[in-house]
Amino acid sequence: MAFFTKEAQELIDYIGELNAKANGGFELTSDLAHWAEYGITTKDQLGDYLDECVQKEYDADNIVEDEVVYYDAPEPTWDAVSRHDSNEGW
């Protein structure tokens, strides 16, 4: 039987809670040696790390290189619309 420090046990319990919420999706490893390689030894450190990962992904997905973004640019003429529609099978 393994004995852990209070912080280590809190980290294991926290990982367990997160994995239970994953509902069969992406789960975190409960291998403390793995997390120690990232400098994570407490529940708070893991929470901060995961928040940073989410923010990094959010920022990467929301890069705007130009000031003006046309999500659905207007067609220049009705002929262009007709060509577009015929290509779509309308």
C-alpha atoms as a PDB file:
ATOM      1  CA  MET A   1       0.000   0.000   0.000  1.00  0.00           C
ATOM      2  CA  ALA A   2       1.398   3.359  -1.053  1.00  0.00           C
ATOM      3  CA  PHE A   3       1.366   6.367   1.236  1.00  0.00           C
ATOM      4  CA  PHE A   4       1.298   9.856  -0.235  1.00  0.00           C
ATOM      5  CA  THR A   5       1.757  13.313   1.184  1.00  0.00           C
ATOM      6  CA  LYS A   6      -1.401  15.358   1.645  1.00  0.00           C
ATOM      7  CA  GLU A   7      -0.604  17.415  -1.485  1.00  0.00           C
ATOM      8  CA  ALA A   8       0.096  14.288  -3.548  1.00  0.00           C
ATOM      9  CA  GLN A   9      -3.179  12.713  -2.461  1.00  0.00           C
ATOM     10  CA  GLU A  10      -5.079  15.923  -3.259  1.00  0.00           C
ATOM     11  CA  LEU A  11      -3.496  15.910  -6.721  1.00  0.00           C
ATOM     12  CA  ILE A  12      -4.496  12.278  -7.314  1.00  0.00           C
ATOM     13  CA  ASP A  13      -8.038  12.995  -6.086  1.00  0.00           C
ATOM     14  CA  TYR A  14      -8.280  16.091  -8.315  1.00  0.00           C
ATOM     15  CA  ILE A  15      -7.165  14.113 -11.367  1.00  0.00           C
ATOM     16  CA  GLY A  16      -9.778  11.502 -10.492  1.00  0.00           C
ATOM     17  CA  GLU A  17     -12.479  14.177 -10.321  1.00  0.00           C
ATOM     18  CA  LEU A  18     -11.453  15.636 -13.680  1.00  0.00           C
ATOM     19  CA  ASN A  19     -11.372  12.200 -15.284  1.00  0.00           C
ATOM     20  CA  ALA A  20     -14.839  11.412 -13.927  1.00  0.00           C
ATOM     21  CA  LYS A  21     -16.126  14.615 -15.552  1.00  0.00           C
ATOM     22  CA  ALA A  22     -14.492  13.592 -18.844  1.00  0.00           C
ATOM     23  CA  ASN A  23     -17.327  11.093 -19.272  1.00  0.00           C
ATOM     24  CA  GLY A  24     -15.265   8.752 -21.433  1.00  0.00           C
ATOM     25  CA  GLY A  25     -13.431  11.549 -23.235  1.00  0.00           C
ATOM     26  CA  PHE A  26      -9.847  12.715 -22.803  1.00  0.00           C
ATOM     27  CA  GLU A  27      -8.482  11.674 -19.420  1.00  0.00           C
ATOM     28  CA  LEU A  28      -5.377  12.740 -17.514  1.00  0.00           C
ATOM     29  CA  THR A  29      -2.773  10.349 -16.213  1.00  0.00           C
ATOM     30  CA  SER A  30      -2.609   9.905 -12.458  1.00  0.00           C
ATOM     31  CA  ASP A  31       1.110   9.070 -12.669  1.00  0.00           C
ATOM     32  CA  LEU A  32       2.675  11.595 -10.299  1.00  0.00           C
ATOM     33  CA  ALA A  33       6.115  11.087 -11.854  1.00  0.00           C
ATOM     34  CA  HIS A  34       4.678  12.300 -15.165  1.00  0.00           C
ATOM     35  CA  TRP A  35       3.351  15.500 -13.613  1.00  0.00           C
ATOM     36  CA  ALA A  36       6.553  16.031 -11.633  1.00  0.00           C
ATOM     37  CA  GLU A  37       8.411  16.228 -14.978  1.00  0.00           C
ATOM     38  CA  TYR A  38       6.291  19.336 -15.670  1.00  0.00           C
ATOM     39  CA  GLY A  39       6.995  20.755 -12.212  1.00  0.00           C
ATOM     40  CA  ILE A  40       3.466  19.917 -11.068  1.00  0.00           C
ATOM     41  CA  THR A  41       3.154  18.492  -7.584  1.00  0.00           C
ATOM     42  CA  THR A  42      -0.050  20.111  -6.308  1.00  0.00           C
ATOM     43  CA  LYS A  43      -3.687  20.426  -7.299  1.00  0.00           C
ATOM     44  CA  ASP A  44      -3.325  24.196  -7.781  1.00  0.00           C
ATOM     45  CA  GLN A  45      -0.312  23.781 -10.062  1.00  0.00           C
ATOM     46  CA  LEU A  46      -2.205  21.304 -12.233  1.00  0.00           C
ATOM     47  CA  GLY A  47      -5.199  23.640 -12.407  1.00  0.00           C
ATOM     48  CA  ASP A  48      -2.965  26.521 -13.477  1.00  0.00           C
ATOM     49  CA  TYR A  49      -1.218  24.324 -16.057  1.00  0.00           C
ATOM     50  CA  LEU A  50      -4.521  23.184 -17.564  1.00  0.00           C
ATOM     51  CA  ASP A  51      -5.840  26.756 -17.643  1.00  0.00           C
ATOM     52  CA  GLU A  52      -2.680  27.822 -19.518  1.00  0.00           C
ATOM     53  CA  CYS A  53      -3.140  24.963 -22.009  1.00  0.00           C
ATOM     54  CA  VAL A  54      -6.726  25.993 -22.687  1.00  0.00           C
ATOM     55  CA  GLN A  55      -5.742  29.653 -23.086  1.00  0.00           C
ATOM     56  CA  LYS A  56      -2.931  28.728 -25.488  1.00  0.00           C
ATOM     57  CA  GLU A  57      -5.348  26.712 -27.665  1.00  0.00           C
ATOM     58  CA  TYR A  58      -7.958  29.476 -27.530  1.00  0.00           C
ATOM     59  CA  ASP A  59      -5.403  32.097 -28.573  1.00  0.00           C
ATOM     60  CA  ALA A  60      -4.117  29.911 -31.420  1.00  0.00           C
ATOM     61  CA  ASP A  61      -7.648  29.418 -32.742  1.00  0.00           C
ATOM     62  CA  ASN A  62      -8.480  33.119 -32.606  1.00  0.00           C
ATOM     63  CA  ILE A  63      -5.624  34.757 -34.459  1.00  0.00           C
ATOM     64  CA  VAL A  64      -6.704  37.606 -36.694  1.00  0.00           C
ATOM     65  CA  GLU A  65      -3.960  38.724 -39.042  1.00  0.00           C
ATOM     66  CA  ASP A  66      -5.882  41.456 -40.867  1.00  0.00           C
ATOM     67  CA  GLU A  67      -7.969  44.191 -39.322  1.00  0.00           C
ATOM     68  CA  VAL A  68     -10.970  43.425 -41.533  1.00  0.00           C
ATOM     69  CA  VAL A  69     -12.353  39.903 -41.570  1.00  0.00           C
ATOM     70  CA  TYR A  70     -15.006  38.931 -44.093  1.00  0.00           C
ATOM     71  CA  TYR A  71     -16.715  35.818 -42.856  1.00  0.00           C
ATOM     72  CA  ASP A  72     -19.073  35.727 -45.814  1.00  0.00           C
ATOM     73  CA  ALA A  73     -17.912  38.340 -48.272  1.00  0.00           C
ATOM     74  CA  PRO A  74     -20.617  39.755 -50.543  1.00  0.00           C
ATOM     75  CA  GLU A  75     -20.650  38.492 -54.108  1.00  0.00           C
ATOM     76  CA  PRO A  76     -19.430  41.190 -56.508  1.00  0.00           C
ATOM     77  CA  THR A  77     -22.272  40.709 -59.056  1.00  0.00           C
ATOM     78  CA  TRP A  78     -25.451  38.712 -59.512  1.00  0.00           C
ATOM     79  CA  ASP A  79     -23.662  36.689 -62.187  1.00  0.00           C
ATOM     80  CA  ALA A  80     -21.151  35.575 -59.569  1.00  0.00           C
ATOM     81  CA  VAL A  81     -24.024  34.570 -57.303  1.00  0.00           C
ATOM     82  CA  SER A  82     -25.640  32.604 -60.122  1.00  0.00           C
ATOM     83  CA  ARG A  83     -22.369  30.796 -60.849  1.00  0.00           C
ATOM     84  CA  HIS A  84     -21.953  30.051 -57.148  1.00  0.00           C
ATOM     85  CA  ASP A  85     -25.508  28.760 -56.839  1.00  0.00           C
ATOM     86  CA  SER A  86     -25.195  26.537 -59.888  1.00  0.00           C
ATOM     87  CA  ASN A  87     -21.987  25.065 -58.481  1.00  0.00           C
ATOM     88  CA  GLU A  88     -23.841  24.250 -55.286  1.00  0.00           C
ATOM     89  CA  GLY A  89     -26.596  22.470 -57.181  1.00  0.00           C
ATOM     90  CA  TRP A  90     -29.286  25.049 -56.378  1.00  0.00           C
END
